[in-house]
């Protein structure tokens, strides 16, 4: 794809409703009007959000009431409170049993999102009877690269996948299996632990999948001299050689062709696809552009904004370009099966070289997942107290 002629961007981010227009945490539906929510209790805030956005649960086909019962029993508030109960339980359990409660906290949070988003109960009720994931029984189970999870044809995970990714069935086809090692490679909050675990003096260098943005910053939209809006962000310069004057070509070749380097500051990147600005509203064109660009980034739940650009075009290295909540859920589902049916397998992992990586996932994944799905439900950034 040819690089576009450079445009000149304003010095300050574009202002919408007296706020700088920035990319926010939500993956598919971002609310640009609202300010960041500051809270240390995300469950209580989302419960409040649900109560202030009530909708009537109903069937499209009224005859389904006899089959499935009162539609209100599929109320999203109910699933969210179930998720909170399992979350609280997971926090009290040892690592040998916490994956089971953690997975059910995720499962019910996903059900809450789906029930809140869907117009009719008919659209999701049958999928709620299955997980959508299975153990790949062909895998040996000796290490994370021989423990695999398979996507089946229906269930909560499949419904969730199609909600998050319009081409989900292409990105993760039915009956397709991925090893836990492959999946974890695609999670930014575990990437340092992953690289550390599998790097040895004799091993081939593992390609780093995520490029950190400057700490505390996030991608922002700027007005350009062609009257379009462009996404612009700064890469952390400490990630590269001090002598570097630009991003290495081997890095540029592994990120989306929608980005190019800005010439005004070191390690700034921008999207080469602009969207028309609109003083009074967020245009559909910008929403579509942002939806596409958001897929190129991940963030880590933290007391400050920690965003990462994904090198989504690294060839032959196990890159899976799907929403990281799907990856977290799939991995936790597999660990929940292990602690239920093969606890000796977890014991073996915890005594292997992969013990720290496993521990980091089981310790951090639930909070990361709930932070992300809360943003997805509300469309808002939800941060710990003290973060602006």
Protein backbone atom coordinates (compact mmCIF):
# COMPACT_ATOMS: atom_id res chain seq x y z
CA UNK A 1 0.00 0.00 0.00
CA UNK A 2 1.63 3.31 -1.05
CA UNK A 3 2.35 5.88 1.63
CA UNK A 4 0.18 8.95 1.42
CA UNK A 5 1.53 12.51 0.96
CA UNK A 6 2.26 13.91 4.41
CA UNK A 7 -0.27 16.25 5.96
CA UNK A 8 0.34 18.85 8.67
CA UNK A 9 -1.40 18.19 11.98
CA UNK A 10 -2.42 20.76 14.57
CA UNK A 11 -0.27 21.04 17.69
CA UNK A 12 -3.12 20.17 20.08
CA UNK A 13 -5.69 17.33 19.89
CA UNK A 14 -9.04 18.03 18.28
CA UNK A 15 -11.59 19.28 20.80
CA UNK A 16 -15.06 17.73 20.92
CA UNK A 17 -17.55 18.90 23.57
CA UNK A 18 -14.59 20.72 25.20
CA UNK A 19 -12.64 17.46 25.51
CA UNK A 20 -9.64 16.20 23.59
CA UNK A 21 -10.84 13.50 21.22
CA UNK A 22 -8.95 10.35 22.09
CA UNK A 23 -9.15 6.63 21.64
CA UNK A 24 -10.75 5.05 24.70
CA UNK A 25 -10.68 1.57 26.17
CA UNK A 26 -13.93 0.25 24.68
CA UNK A 27 -13.37 -1.95 21.64
CA UNK A 28 -16.61 -1.75 19.65
CA UNK A 29 -18.66 1.14 21.07
CA UNK A 30 -16.84 4.17 22.45
CA UNK A 31 -18.70 6.98 24.20
CA UNK A 32 -16.80 10.18 23.35
CA UNK A 33 -19.18 12.43 25.30
CA UNK A 34 -18.46 11.22 28.81
CA UNK A 35 -15.48 11.90 31.03
CA UNK A 36 -13.30 9.21 32.58
CA UNK A 37 -14.97 7.43 35.48
CA UNK A 38 -12.84 7.26 38.64
CA UNK A 39 -13.69 4.36 40.90
CA UNK A 40 -12.03 1.51 42.77
CA UNK A 41 -15.20 -0.63 42.53
CA UNK A 42 -15.95 -1.30 38.88
CA UNK A 43 -18.70 -3.83 39.66
CA UNK A 44 -20.73 -1.28 41.62
CA UNK A 45 -20.30 1.35 38.92
CA UNK A 46 -21.45 -0.96 36.11
CA UNK A 47 -24.42 -2.04 38.24
CA UNK A 48 -25.30 1.66 38.59
CA UNK A 49 -24.85 2.09 34.82
CA UNK A 50 -27.22 -0.81 34.13
CA UNK A 51 -29.83 0.60 36.51
CA UNK A 52 -29.72 3.95 34.71
CA UNK A 53 -30.02 2.34 31.25
CA UNK A 54 -32.95 0.02 31.81
CA UNK A 55 -34.51 -1.75 28.86
CA UNK A 56 -37.38 -4.19 28.59
CA UNK A 57 -36.29 -7.78 27.98
CA UNK A 58 -38.58 -9.33 25.37
CA UNK A 59 -38.93 -12.05 22.76
CA UNK A 60 -39.12 -11.34 19.07
CA UNK A 61 -41.25 -14.47 18.73
CA UNK A 62 -43.84 -14.39 21.55
CA UNK A 63 -44.29 -18.17 21.39
CA UNK A 64 -40.79 -18.56 22.84
CA UNK A 65 -42.08 -17.47 26.23
CA UNK A 66 -43.60 -20.92 26.74
CA UNK A 67 -40.24 -22.51 25.91
CA UNK A 68 -37.81 -20.21 27.71
CA UNK A 69 -39.96 -18.57 30.40
CA UNK A 70 -40.11 -15.00 31.65
CA UNK A 71 -37.68 -12.93 29.53
CA UNK A 72 -36.73 -10.85 32.59
CA UNK A 73 -34.88 -13.82 34.08
CA UNK A 74 -32.25 -13.17 31.37
CA UNK A 75 -31.78 -9.62 32.65
CA UNK A 76 -28.21 -8.34 32.25
CA UNK A 77 -28.14 -7.06 35.87
CA UNK A 78 -28.58 -10.64 37.08
CA UNK A 79 -25.61 -11.94 35.11
CA UNK A 80 -23.44 -9.03 36.25
CA UNK A 81 -24.20 -9.76 39.91
CA UNK A 82 -23.43 -13.43 39.31
CA UNK A 83 -20.10 -12.36 37.83
CA UNK A 84 -19.35 -10.28 40.93
CA UNK A 85 -20.14 -13.23 43.21
CA UNK A 86 -17.71 -15.47 41.34
CA UNK A 87 -15.11 -12.67 41.20
CA UNK A 88 -15.22 -12.26 44.98
CA UNK A 89 -14.94 -16.02 45.42
CA UNK A 90 -11.95 -16.21 43.06
CA UNK A 91 -10.09 -13.62 45.12
CA UNK A 92 -10.32 -15.82 48.23
CA UNK A 93 -9.25 -19.09 46.60
CA UNK A 94 -5.72 -20.50 46.16
CA UNK A 95 -4.28 -20.69 42.69
CA UNK A 96 -5.06 -24.44 42.54
CA UNK A 97 -8.81 -23.71 42.46
CA UNK A 98 -9.27 -20.02 41.57
CA UNK A 99 -9.39 -20.58 37.76
CA UNK A 100 -12.83 -22.18 38.08
CA UNK A 101 -14.38 -19.16 39.84
CA UNK A 102 -12.42 -16.76 37.61
CA UNK A 103 -13.80 -18.36 34.47
CA UNK A 104 -17.39 -18.19 35.71
CA UNK A 105 -16.88 -14.54 36.63
CA UNK A 106 -15.83 -13.94 33.02
CA UNK A 107 -18.62 -16.09 31.58
CA UNK A 108 -21.35 -14.22 33.45
CA UNK A 109 -19.82 -10.83 32.65
CA UNK A 110 -19.96 -11.77 28.97
CA UNK A 111 -23.58 -12.86 29.34
CA UNK A 112 -24.35 -9.47 30.91
CA UNK A 113 -22.77 -7.67 27.93
CA UNK A 114 -24.61 -9.81 25.37
CA UNK A 115 -27.98 -9.49 27.12
CA UNK A 116 -27.49 -5.72 27.38
CA UNK A 117 -26.54 -5.34 23.71
CA UNK A 118 -29.06 -7.67 22.07
CA UNK A 119 -32.54 -6.41 21.24
CA UNK A 120 -34.33 -9.73 21.80
CA UNK A 121 -33.79 -12.65 24.17
CA UNK A 122 -34.33 -15.01 21.20
CA UNK A 123 -31.03 -13.76 19.77
CA UNK A 124 -28.89 -15.22 22.54
CA UNK A 125 -30.80 -17.61 24.80
CA UNK A 126 -29.87 -20.81 22.94
CA UNK A 127 -26.18 -19.86 22.90
CA UNK A 128 -26.28 -19.36 26.68
CA UNK A 129 -26.67 -23.11 27.14
CA UNK A 130 -23.10 -23.86 25.99
CA UNK A 131 -19.62 -22.48 26.61
CA UNK A 132 -18.47 -22.45 23.00
CA UNK A 133 -15.05 -23.90 23.88
CA UNK A 134 -13.66 -27.41 24.29
CA UNK A 135 -10.46 -29.13 25.25
CA UNK A 136 -8.49 -30.26 22.23
CA UNK A 137 -8.16 -33.89 23.23
CA UNK A 138 -5.37 -34.47 20.73
CA UNK A 139 -3.04 -32.26 22.76
CA UNK A 140 -0.59 -34.02 25.08
CA UNK A 141 -0.86 -31.63 28.00
CA UNK A 142 2.75 -31.69 29.16
CA UNK A 143 3.44 -27.96 28.69
CA UNK A 144 1.65 -24.81 27.52
CA UNK A 145 2.45 -25.54 23.88
CA UNK A 146 0.80 -28.97 24.19
CA UNK A 147 -2.34 -27.80 26.01
CA UNK A 148 -4.87 -26.51 23.50
CA UNK A 149 -8.36 -25.06 23.41
CA UNK A 150 -10.80 -25.52 20.54
CA UNK A 151 -13.63 -23.28 19.41
CA UNK A 152 -16.89 -25.10 18.68
CA UNK A 153 -19.84 -24.02 16.57
CA UNK A 154 -22.07 -22.29 19.14
CA UNK A 155 -22.17 -21.07 22.72
CA UNK A 156 -21.39 -17.97 24.77
CA UNK A 157 -17.82 -17.68 23.49
CA UNK A 158 -18.96 -17.79 19.86
CA UNK A 159 -21.69 -15.21 20.49
CA UNK A 160 -19.10 -13.02 22.24
CA UNK A 161 -16.61 -13.46 19.41
CA UNK A 162 -19.10 -12.38 16.78
CA UNK A 163 -20.01 -9.36 18.88
CA UNK A 164 -16.36 -8.30 19.19
CA UNK A 165 -15.11 -9.18 15.70
CA UNK A 166 -17.26 -8.95 12.58
CA UNK A 167 -14.98 -11.51 10.87
CA UNK A 168 -14.64 -13.75 13.94
CA UNK A 169 -15.46 -16.95 12.02
CA UNK A 170 -12.51 -16.23 9.72
CA UNK A 171 -10.13 -15.20 12.51
CA UNK A 172 -11.02 -18.24 14.64
CA UNK A 173 -12.81 -20.88 12.53
CA UNK A 174 -14.93 -23.56 14.17
CA UNK A 175 -12.97 -26.59 15.39
CA UNK A 176 -9.76 -24.54 15.14
CA UNK A 177 -7.42 -25.13 18.09
CA UNK A 178 -4.77 -22.88 19.59
CA UNK A 179 -2.27 -23.85 22.25
CA UNK A 180 -2.19 -21.89 25.50
CA UNK A 181 1.34 -20.79 24.60
CA UNK A 182 0.15 -19.36 21.26
CA UNK A 183 -2.74 -17.54 22.89
CA UNK A 184 -0.76 -16.03 25.76
CA UNK A 185 1.81 -14.65 23.30
CA UNK A 186 -0.94 -12.30 22.11
CA UNK A 187 -1.62 -10.67 25.50
CA UNK A 188 0.21 -7.42 26.25
CA UNK A 189 -0.11 -7.71 30.04
CA UNK A 190 1.78 -11.03 29.92
CA UNK A 191 4.23 -10.27 27.16
CA UNK A 192 7.21 -9.47 29.34
CA UNK A 193 6.66 -12.65 31.38
CA UNK A 194 6.29 -14.60 28.12
CA UNK A 195 9.54 -13.26 26.64
CA UNK A 196 11.39 -13.88 29.92
CA UNK A 197 10.06 -17.43 30.24
CA UNK A 198 11.02 -18.62 26.78
CA UNK A 199 14.28 -16.71 26.22
CA UNK A 200 17.39 -18.77 26.81
CA UNK A 201 21.03 -18.26 25.74
CA UNK A 202 20.56 -20.80 22.95
CA UNK A 203 17.00 -19.99 21.89
CA UNK A 204 16.04 -18.04 18.81
CA UNK A 205 15.08 -14.46 19.68
CA UNK A 206 11.34 -14.14 20.22
CA UNK A 207 9.82 -11.25 18.24
CA UNK A 208 8.34 -8.71 20.63
CA UNK A 209 4.72 -8.27 19.65
CA UNK A 210 3.90 -5.01 21.45
CA UNK A 211 5.44 -1.55 21.21
CA UNK A 212 4.74 0.60 24.29
CA UNK A 213 3.37 4.09 23.85
CA UNK A 214 4.64 6.84 26.13
CA UNK A 215 3.40 6.02 29.64
CA UNK A 216 0.32 7.94 30.66
CA UNK A 217 -0.59 8.82 27.08
CA UNK A 218 -3.06 7.35 24.63
CA UNK A 219 -3.77 7.79 20.90
CA UNK A 220 -5.40 11.17 20.14
CA UNK A 221 -7.21 12.60 17.11
CA UNK A 222 -5.81 15.75 15.51
CA UNK A 223 -7.14 18.04 12.80
CA UNK A 224 -4.99 18.30 9.67
CA UNK A 225 -4.60 20.87 6.92
CA UNK A 226 -6.75 18.71 4.62
CA UNK A 227 -9.69 19.19 7.05
CA UNK A 228 -9.57 15.53 8.14
CA UNK A 229 -8.97 14.03 11.56
CA UNK A 230 -5.98 11.72 12.08
CA UNK A 231 -5.01 9.45 14.93
CA UNK A 232 -1.61 10.35 16.36
CA UNK A 233 0.42 8.78 19.16
CA UNK A 234 3.95 8.68 20.52
CA UNK A 235 5.98 5.49 20.80
CA UNK A 236 8.13 5.14 23.94
CA UNK A 237 11.64 6.04 22.70
CA UNK A 238 13.31 3.97 25.44
CA UNK A 239 12.08 0.86 23.62
CA UNK A 240 14.63 1.47 20.86
CA UNK A 241 18.30 2.37 20.55
CA UNK A 242 19.24 5.84 21.80
CA UNK A 243 20.98 6.40 18.48
CA UNK A 244 17.83 5.70 16.48
CA UNK A 245 16.38 8.65 14.58
CA UNK A 246 13.38 6.75 13.29
CA UNK A 247 11.56 3.51 13.78
CA UNK A 248 13.53 0.59 12.28
CA UNK A 249 12.21 -0.67 8.94
CA UNK A 250 11.75 -4.16 10.39
CA UNK A 251 9.34 -2.62 12.91
CA UNK A 252 7.50 -0.45 10.39
CA UNK A 253 6.99 -3.50 8.18
CA UNK A 254 5.21 -5.37 10.99
CA UNK A 255 2.60 -2.77 11.93
CA UNK A 256 -0.54 -1.81 10.07
CA UNK A 257 -0.01 0.05 6.78
CA UNK A 258 -2.55 2.55 8.10
CA UNK A 259 0.30 4.09 10.13
CA UNK A 260 3.28 6.16 9.06
CA UNK A 261 5.93 8.10 10.95
CA UNK A 262 5.39 11.79 11.57
CA UNK A 263 8.39 13.95 10.73
CA UNK A 264 7.90 16.57 13.40
CA UNK A 265 8.83 14.52 16.48
CA UNK A 266 10.86 11.41 17.17
CA UNK A 267 8.88 8.16 17.11
CA UNK A 268 5.48 9.77 16.51
CA UNK A 269 3.11 7.76 14.31
CA UNK A 270 -0.17 8.70 12.67
CA UNK A 271 -2.93 7.00 10.74
CA UNK A 272 -2.73 7.69 7.00
CA UNK A 273 -6.54 7.39 6.72
CA UNK A 274 -8.36 10.52 7.85
CA UNK A 275 -12.05 11.12 8.55
CA UNK A 276 -13.97 14.34 8.02
CA UNK A 277 -14.32 16.45 11.13
CA UNK A 278 -17.70 17.61 12.35
CA UNK A 279 -18.13 20.39 14.90
CA UNK A 280 -21.43 19.16 16.30
CA UNK A 281 -21.21 15.38 16.29
CA UNK A 282 -18.94 12.39 15.85
CA UNK A 283 -19.34 11.39 12.22
CA UNK A 284 -20.10 7.83 11.23
CA UNK A 285 -16.94 7.94 9.13
CA UNK A 286 -14.82 8.66 12.21
CA UNK A 287 -16.56 5.94 14.23
CA UNK A 288 -15.82 3.43 11.46
CA UNK A 289 -12.20 4.55 11.24
CA UNK A 290 -11.77 4.35 15.00
CA UNK A 291 -13.33 0.89 15.12
CA UNK A 292 -10.69 -0.32 12.69
CA UNK A 293 -7.77 1.49 14.33
CA UNK A 294 -8.73 0.34 17.85
CA UNK A 295 -7.98 -3.24 16.83
CA UNK A 296 -4.30 -2.33 16.47
CA UNK A 297 -3.91 -1.48 20.17
CA UNK A 298 -4.05 -3.13 23.58
CA UNK A 299 -3.86 -1.59 27.01
CA UNK A 300 -2.88 -2.89 30.43
CA UNK A 301 -5.10 -2.22 33.43
CA UNK A 302 -3.11 0.13 35.63
CA UNK A 303 -3.28 3.23 37.79
CA UNK A 304 -2.16 5.16 34.70
CA UNK A 305 -2.83 4.79 31.00
CA UNK A 306 -0.60 2.09 29.50
CA UNK A 307 -1.25 1.58 25.79
CA UNK A 308 0.57 -0.69 23.33
CA UNK A 309 0.69 -0.84 19.55
CA UNK A 310 0.45 -4.42 18.31
CA UNK A 311 2.82 -5.55 15.59
CA UNK A 312 -0.07 -7.32 13.88
CA UNK A 313 1.81 -8.23 10.70
CA UNK A 314 4.67 -10.29 12.13
CA UNK A 315 4.67 -13.29 9.81
CA UNK A 316 4.78 -16.88 10.99
CA UNK A 317 5.03 -16.07 14.68
CA UNK A 318 1.66 -17.05 16.12
CA UNK A 319 -0.02 -13.65 15.84
CA UNK A 320 -3.76 -13.90 16.48
CA UNK A 321 -5.47 -10.61 15.73
CA UNK A 322 -8.61 -10.99 17.81
CA UNK A 323 -9.79 -9.03 20.83
CA UNK A 324 -7.72 -9.94 23.88
CA UNK A 325 -10.83 -10.59 26.01
CA UNK A 326 -11.57 -13.54 23.73
CA UNK A 327 -8.04 -14.84 24.27
CA UNK A 328 -8.21 -14.40 28.05
CA UNK A 329 -11.58 -16.16 28.23
CA UNK A 330 -10.41 -19.08 26.10
CA UNK A 331 -7.27 -19.60 28.20
CA UNK A 332 -9.13 -19.31 31.51
CA UNK A 333 -11.72 -21.79 30.28
CA UNK A 334 -8.95 -24.29 29.62
CA UNK A 335 -7.41 -23.72 33.06
CA UNK A 336 -10.83 -24.13 34.68
CA UNK A 337 -11.09 -27.55 33.03
CA UNK A 338 -7.60 -28.45 34.19
CA UNK A 339 -8.32 -27.66 37.86
CA UNK A 340 -11.58 -29.61 37.65
CA UNK A 341 -10.50 -32.71 35.78
CA UNK A 342 -6.68 -32.78 35.64
CA UNK A 343 -5.32 -31.00 38.74
CA UNK A 344 -2.09 -32.97 38.42
CA UNK A 345 -1.52 -31.12 35.12
CA UNK A 346 -1.57 -27.74 36.87
CA UNK A 347 0.74 -29.13 39.56
CA UNK A 348 3.17 -30.21 36.85
CA UNK A 349 3.05 -26.76 35.21
CA UNK A 350 3.69 -25.03 38.53
CA UNK A 351 6.87 -27.07 38.93
CA UNK A 352 8.09 -26.38 35.39
CA UNK A 353 9.94 -23.45 33.84
CA UNK A 354 6.52 -22.04 32.88
CA UNK A 355 5.42 -21.64 36.50
CA UNK A 356 5.88 -17.86 36.65
CA UNK A 357 4.03 -17.32 33.37
CA UNK A 358 1.13 -19.48 34.55
CA UNK A 359 1.07 -17.70 37.90
CA UNK A 360 1.05 -14.26 36.22
CA UNK A 361 -1.87 -15.23 34.01
CA UNK A 362 -3.95 -16.70 36.82
CA UNK A 363 -3.19 -13.71 39.06
CA UNK A 364 -3.75 -10.88 36.56
CA UNK A 365 -6.14 -12.10 33.86
CA UNK A 366 -9.42 -11.74 35.77
CA UNK A 367 -8.87 -8.09 36.71
CA UNK A 368 -7.70 -7.27 33.18
CA UNK A 369 -10.79 -8.95 31.72
CA UNK A 370 -13.28 -7.23 34.02
CA UNK A 371 -11.66 -3.86 33.38
CA UNK A 372 -11.99 -4.37 29.63
CA UNK A 373 -15.53 -5.69 29.62
CA UNK A 374 -16.69 -2.88 31.93
CA UNK A 375 -15.37 -0.43 29.32
CA UNK A 376 -17.12 -2.42 26.62
CA UNK A 377 -20.46 -2.31 28.46
CA UNK A 378 -20.35 1.39 29.29
CA UNK A 379 -18.31 2.74 26.39
CA UNK A 380 -16.29 4.68 28.96
CA UNK A 381 -12.79 4.67 30.40
CA UNK A 382 -12.96 3.49 34.00
CA UNK A 383 -9.80 4.21 36.00
CA UNK A 384 -8.63 3.85 39.57
CA UNK A 385 -9.11 6.87 41.82
CA UNK A 386 -6.60 9.62 41.19
CA UNK A 387 -6.19 9.03 37.44
CA UNK A 388 -7.50 11.73 35.12
